[in-house]
């Protein structure tokens, strides 16, 4: 679960990039899906292999 997001930057079954206030979070894996998304949080399901944090 990622909270306080600002939207999706990129989306595929292998990589989802989530834009946040001060960071960009990239989730890499297999069969990734946006299980739930609302204004304050995102839930990603699938086989997660890596979570990368990049400061903006």
PDB file of N, CA and C in Angstrom:
ATOM      1  N   UNK A   1       0.842  -1.170   0.000  1.00  0.00           N
ATOM      2  CA  UNK A   1       0.000   0.000   0.000  1.00  0.00           C
ATOM      3  C   UNK A   1       0.893   1.240   0.000  1.00  0.00           C
ATOM      4  N   UNK A   2       0.544   2.186  -0.833  1.00  0.00           N
ATOM      5  CA  UNK A   2       1.247   3.470  -0.893  1.00  0.00           C
ATOM      6  C   UNK A   2       0.224   4.547  -0.564  1.00  0.00           C
ATOM      7  N   UNK A   3       0.544   5.379   0.419  1.00  0.00           N
ATOM      8  CA  UNK A   3      -0.372   6.435   0.842  1.00  0.00           C
ATOM      9  C   UNK A   3       0.131   7.797   0.391  1.00  0.00           C
ATOM     10  N   UNK A   4      -0.777   8.747   0.331  1.00  0.00           N
ATOM     11  CA  UNK A   4      -0.481  10.145  -0.021  1.00  0.00           C
ATOM     12  C   UNK A   4       0.158  10.264  -1.401  1.00  0.00           C
ATOM     13  N   UNK A   5      -0.390   9.555  -2.370  1.00  0.00           N
ATOM     14  CA  UNK A   5       0.131   9.603  -3.736  1.00  0.00           C
ATOM     15  C   UNK A   5      -0.466  10.780  -4.501  1.00  0.00           C
ATOM     16  N   UNK A   6       0.132  11.051  -5.650  1.00  0.00           N
ATOM     17  CA  UNK A   6      -0.361  12.113  -6.530  1.00  0.00           C
ATOM     18  C   UNK A   6      -0.731  11.575  -7.908  1.00  0.00           C
ATOM     19  N   UNK A   7      -0.789  10.253  -8.029  1.00  0.00           N
ATOM     20  CA  UNK A   7      -1.207   9.654  -9.290  1.00  0.00           C
ATOM     21  C   UNK A   7      -0.211   8.629  -9.808  1.00  0.00           C
ATOM     22  N   UNK A   8      -0.565   8.046 -10.944  1.00  0.00           N
ATOM     23  CA  UNK A   8       0.236   7.013 -11.590  1.00  0.00           C
ATOM     24  C   UNK A   8       1.064   7.650 -12.695  1.00  0.00           C
ATOM     25  N   UNK A   9       2.369   7.409 -12.687  1.00  0.00           N
ATOM     26  CA  UNK A   9       3.252   7.922 -13.732  1.00  0.00           C
ATOM     27  C   UNK A   9       3.379   6.965 -14.902  1.00  0.00           C
ATOM     28  N   UNK A  10       3.379   5.655 -14.610  1.00  0.00           N
ATOM     29  CA  UNK A  10       3.485   4.616 -15.639  1.00  0.00           C
ATOM     30  C   UNK A  10       2.854   3.343 -15.100  1.00  0.00           C
ATOM     31  N   UNK A  11       2.321   2.521 -16.021  1.00  0.00           N
ATOM     32  CA  UNK A  11       1.651   1.306 -15.585  1.00  0.00           C
ATOM     33  C   UNK A  11       1.834   0.199 -16.608  1.00  0.00           C
ATOM     34  N   UNK A  12       2.324  -0.938 -16.151  1.00  0.00           N
ATOM     35  CA  UNK A  12       2.348  -2.160 -16.952  1.00  0.00           C
ATOM     36  C   UNK A  12       2.298  -3.328 -15.968  1.00  0.00           C
ATOM     37  N   UNK A  13       2.205  -4.539 -16.461  1.00  0.00           N
ATOM     38  CA  UNK A  13       2.173  -5.713 -15.577  1.00  0.00           C
ATOM     39  C   UNK A  13       3.526  -5.973 -14.929  1.00  0.00           C
ATOM     40  N   UNK A  14       4.588  -5.334 -15.430  1.00  0.00           N
ATOM     41  CA  UNK A  14       5.933  -5.524 -14.877  1.00  0.00           C
ATOM     42  C   UNK A  14       6.424  -4.329 -14.062  1.00  0.00           C
ATOM     43  N   UNK A  15       5.803  -3.161 -14.226  1.00  0.00           N
ATOM     44  CA  UNK A  15       6.281  -1.968 -13.529  1.00  0.00           C
ATOM     45  C   UNK A  15       5.146  -0.960 -13.345  1.00  0.00           C
ATOM     46  N   UNK A  16       5.023  -0.468 -12.114  1.00  0.00           N
ATOM     47  CA  UNK A  16       4.068   0.602 -11.812  1.00  0.00           C
ATOM     48  C   UNK A  16       4.840   1.715 -11.126  1.00  0.00           C
ATOM     49  N   UNK A  17       4.731   2.923 -11.666  1.00  0.00           N
ATOM     50  CA  UNK A  17       5.381   4.085 -11.081  1.00  0.00           C
ATOM     51  C   UNK A  17       4.316   4.979 -10.461  1.00  0.00           C
ATOM     52  N   UNK A  18       4.506   5.278  -9.179  1.00  0.00           N
ATOM     53  CA  UNK A  18       3.550   6.080  -8.429  1.00  0.00           C
ATOM     54  C   UNK A  18       4.218   7.408  -8.067  1.00  0.00           C
ATOM     55  N   UNK A  19       3.550   8.498  -8.407  1.00  0.00           N
ATOM     56  CA  UNK A  19       4.063   9.828  -8.103  1.00  0.00           C
ATOM     57  C   UNK A  19       3.604  10.225  -6.704  1.00  0.00           C
ATOM     58  N   UNK A  20       4.547  10.677  -5.892  1.00  0.00           N
ATOM     59  CA  UNK A  20       4.252  11.116  -4.536  1.00  0.00           C
ATOM     60  C   UNK A  20       4.749  12.547  -4.368  1.00  0.00           C
ATOM     61  N   UNK A  21       4.470  13.136  -3.236  1.00  0.00           N
ATOM     62  CA  UNK A  21       4.814  14.540  -3.001  1.00  0.00           C
ATOM     63  C   UNK A  21       6.313  14.802  -3.163  1.00  0.00           C
ATOM     64  N   UNK A  22       7.156  14.056  -2.469  1.00  0.00           N
ATOM     65  CA  UNK A  22       8.600  14.295  -2.504  1.00  0.00           C
ATOM     66  C   UNK A  22       9.374  13.185  -3.195  1.00  0.00           C
ATOM     67  N   UNK A  23       8.687  12.096  -3.578  1.00  0.00           N
ATOM     68  CA  UNK A  23       9.356  10.921  -4.124  1.00  0.00           C
ATOM     69  C   UNK A  23       8.569  10.328  -5.283  1.00  0.00           C
ATOM     70  N   UNK A  24       9.251   9.480  -6.031  1.00  0.00           N
ATOM     71  CA  UNK A  24       8.604   8.620  -7.009  1.00  0.00           C
ATOM     72  C   UNK A  24       8.880   7.191  -6.569  1.00  0.00           C
ATOM     73  N   UNK A  25       7.828   6.380  -6.468  1.00  0.00           N
ATOM     74  CA  UNK A  25       7.963   4.987  -6.050  1.00  0.00           C
ATOM     75  C   UNK A  25       7.710   4.110  -7.271  1.00  0.00           C
ATOM     76  N   UNK A  26       8.671   3.242  -7.589  1.00  0.00           N
ATOM     77  CA  UNK A  26       8.518   2.303  -8.695  1.00  0.00           C
ATOM     78  C   UNK A  26       8.470   0.897  -8.127  1.00  0.00           C
ATOM     79  N   UNK A  27       7.406   0.179  -8.468  1.00  0.00           N
ATOM     80  CA  UNK A  27       7.238  -1.206  -8.040  1.00  0.00           C
ATOM     81  C   UNK A  27       7.469  -2.075  -9.267  1.00  0.00           C
ATOM     82  N   UNK A  28       8.393  -3.031  -9.163  1.00  0.00           N
ATOM     83  CA  UNK A  28       8.702  -3.935 -10.262  1.00  0.00           C
ATOM     84  C   UNK A  28       8.338  -5.359  -9.872  1.00  0.00           C
ATOM     85  N   UNK A  29       7.847  -6.130 -10.830  1.00  0.00           N
ATOM     86  CA  UNK A  29       7.472  -7.506 -10.539  1.00  0.00           C
ATOM     87  C   UNK A  29       6.797  -8.172 -11.713  1.00  0.00           C
ATOM     88  N   UNK A  30       5.957  -9.156 -11.405  1.00  0.00           N
ATOM     89  CA  UNK A  30       5.258  -9.942 -12.416  1.00  0.00           C
ATOM     90  C   UNK A  30       3.766  -9.910 -12.101  1.00  0.00           C
ATOM     91  N   UNK A  31       2.960  -9.665 -13.117  1.00  0.00           N
ATOM     92  CA  UNK A  31       1.510  -9.678 -12.940  1.00  0.00           C
ATOM     93  C   UNK A  31       0.999  -8.595 -12.005  1.00  0.00           C
ATOM     94  N   UNK A  32       1.632  -7.433 -12.027  1.00  0.00           N
ATOM     95  CA  UNK A  32       1.226  -6.355 -11.128  1.00  0.00           C
ATOM     96  C   UNK A  32      -0.115  -5.777 -11.555  1.00  0.00           C
ATOM     97  N   UNK A  33      -0.937  -5.449 -10.572  1.00  0.00           N
ATOM     98  CA  UNK A  33      -2.245  -4.851 -10.815  1.00  0.00           C
ATOM     99  C   UNK A  33      -2.530  -3.796  -9.765  1.00  0.00           C
ATOM    100  N   UNK A  34      -3.277  -2.776 -10.164  1.00  0.00           N
ATOM    101  CA  UNK A  34      -3.784  -1.807  -9.204  1.00  0.00           C
ATOM    102  C   UNK A  34      -5.044  -2.417  -8.598  1.00  0.00           C
ATOM    103  N   UNK A  35      -4.903  -2.982  -7.419  1.00  0.00           N
ATOM    104  CA  UNK A  35      -6.021  -3.669  -6.765  1.00  0.00           C
ATOM    105  C   UNK A  35      -7.043  -2.664  -6.252  1.00  0.00           C
ATOM    106  N   UNK A  36      -6.553  -1.550  -5.714  1.00  0.00           N
ATOM    107  CA  UNK A  36      -7.431  -0.510  -5.193  1.00  0.00           C
ATOM    108  C   UNK A  36      -6.726   0.827  -5.317  1.00  0.00           C
ATOM    109  N   UNK A  37      -7.472   1.857  -5.716  1.00  0.00           N
ATOM    110  CA  UNK A  37      -6.900   3.188  -5.816  1.00  0.00           C
ATOM    111  C   UNK A  37      -7.975   4.208  -5.483  1.00  0.00           C
ATOM    112  N   UNK A  38      -7.656   5.100  -4.562  1.00  0.00           N
ATOM    113  CA  UNK A  38      -8.533   6.230  -4.287  1.00  0.00           C
ATOM    114  C   UNK A  38      -7.668   7.471  -4.118  1.00  0.00           C
ATOM    115  N   UNK A  39      -8.233   8.540  -3.634  1.00  0.00           N
ATOM    116  CA  UNK A  39      -7.494   9.802  -3.550  1.00  0.00           C
ATOM    117  C   UNK A  39      -6.281   9.749  -2.633  1.00  0.00           C
ATOM    118  N   UNK A  40      -6.299   8.864  -1.637  1.00  0.00           N
ATOM    119  CA  UNK A  40      -5.218   8.882  -0.653  1.00  0.00           C
ATOM    120  C   UNK A  40      -4.298   7.673  -0.689  1.00  0.00           C
ATOM    121  N   UNK A  41      -4.714   6.559  -1.291  1.00  0.00           N
ATOM    122  CA  UNK A  41      -3.842   5.378  -1.264  1.00  0.00           C
ATOM    123  C   UNK A  41      -4.016   4.503  -2.491  1.00  0.00           C
ATOM    124  N   UNK A  42      -2.991   3.692  -2.729  1.00  0.00           N
ATOM    125  CA  UNK A  42      -2.970   2.727  -3.827  1.00  0.00           C
ATOM    126  C   UNK A  42      -2.547   1.384  -3.253  1.00  0.00           C
ATOM    127  N   UNK A  43      -3.244   0.324  -3.648  1.00  0.00           N
ATOM    128  CA  UNK A  43      -2.867  -1.032  -3.259  1.00  0.00           C
ATOM    129  C   UNK A  43      -2.482  -1.771  -4.535  1.00  0.00           C
ATOM    130  N   UNK A  44      -1.250  -2.281  -4.577  1.00  0.00           N
ATOM    131  CA  UNK A  44      -0.725  -3.008  -5.732  1.00  0.00           C
ATOM    132  C   UNK A  44      -0.602  -4.477  -5.366  1.00  0.00           C
ATOM    133  N   UNK A  45      -1.110  -5.355  -6.240  1.00  0.00           N
ATOM    134  CA  UNK A  45      -0.990  -6.795  -6.015  1.00  0.00           C
ATOM    135  C   UNK A  45      -0.178  -7.415  -7.152  1.00  0.00           C
ATOM    136  N   UNK A  46       0.239  -8.642  -6.941  1.00  0.00           N
ATOM    137  CA  UNK A  46       1.060  -9.373  -7.898  1.00  0.00           C
ATOM    138  C   UNK A  46       2.330  -9.826  -7.195  1.00  0.00           C
ATOM    139  N   UNK A  47       3.248 -10.374  -7.964  1.00  0.00           N
ATOM    140  CA  UNK A  47       4.528 -10.790  -7.418  1.00  0.00           C
ATOM    141  C   UNK A  47       5.478  -9.597  -7.467  1.00  0.00           C
ATOM    142  N   UNK A  48       5.743  -9.013  -6.301  1.00  0.00           N
ATOM    143  CA  UNK A  48       6.592  -7.825  -6.221  1.00  0.00           C
ATOM    144  C   UNK A  48       8.038  -8.267  -6.015  1.00  0.00           C
ATOM    145  N   UNK A  49       8.900  -7.844  -6.923  1.00  0.00           N
ATOM    146  CA  UNK A  49      10.323  -8.213  -6.852  1.00  0.00           C
ATOM    147  C   UNK A  49      11.191  -7.085  -6.315  1.00  0.00           C
ATOM    148  N   UNK A  50      10.775  -5.825  -6.533  1.00  0.00           N
ATOM    149  CA  UNK A  50      11.582  -4.690  -6.070  1.00  0.00           C
ATOM    150  C   UNK A  50      10.695  -3.482  -5.877  1.00  0.00           C
ATOM    151  N   UNK A  51      11.067  -2.651  -4.921  1.00  0.00           N
ATOM    152  CA  UNK A  51      10.432  -1.358  -4.711  1.00  0.00           C
ATOM    153  C   UNK A  51      11.560  -0.326  -4.691  1.00  0.00           C
ATOM    154  N   UNK A  52      11.506   0.617  -5.626  1.00  0.00           N
ATOM    155  CA  UNK A  52      12.550   1.618  -5.785  1.00  0.00           C
ATOM    156  C   UNK A  52      12.003   2.985  -5.382  1.00  0.00           C
ATOM    157  N   UNK A  53      12.781   3.748  -4.637  1.00  0.00           N
ATOM    158  CA  UNK A  53      12.398   5.071  -4.189  1.00  0.00           C
ATOM    159  C   UNK A  53      13.355   6.091  -4.784  1.00  0.00           C
ATOM    160  N   UNK A  54      12.819   7.041  -5.518  1.00  0.00           N
ATOM    161  CA  UNK A  54      13.625   8.100  -6.134  1.00  0.00           C
ATOM    162  C   UNK A  54      13.148   9.439  -5.598  1.00  0.00           C
ATOM    163  N   UNK A  55      14.054  10.211  -5.071  1.00  0.00           N
ATOM    164  CA  UNK A  55      13.707  11.543  -4.539  1.00  0.00           C
ATOM    165  C   UNK A  55      13.542  12.515  -5.695  1.00  0.00           C
ATOM    166  N   UNK A  56      12.488  13.319  -5.645  1.00  0.00           N
ATOM    167  CA  UNK A  56      12.215  14.312  -6.696  1.00  0.00           C
ATOM    168  C   UNK A  56      12.972  15.585  -6.449  1.00  0.00           C
TER     169      UNK A  56
END
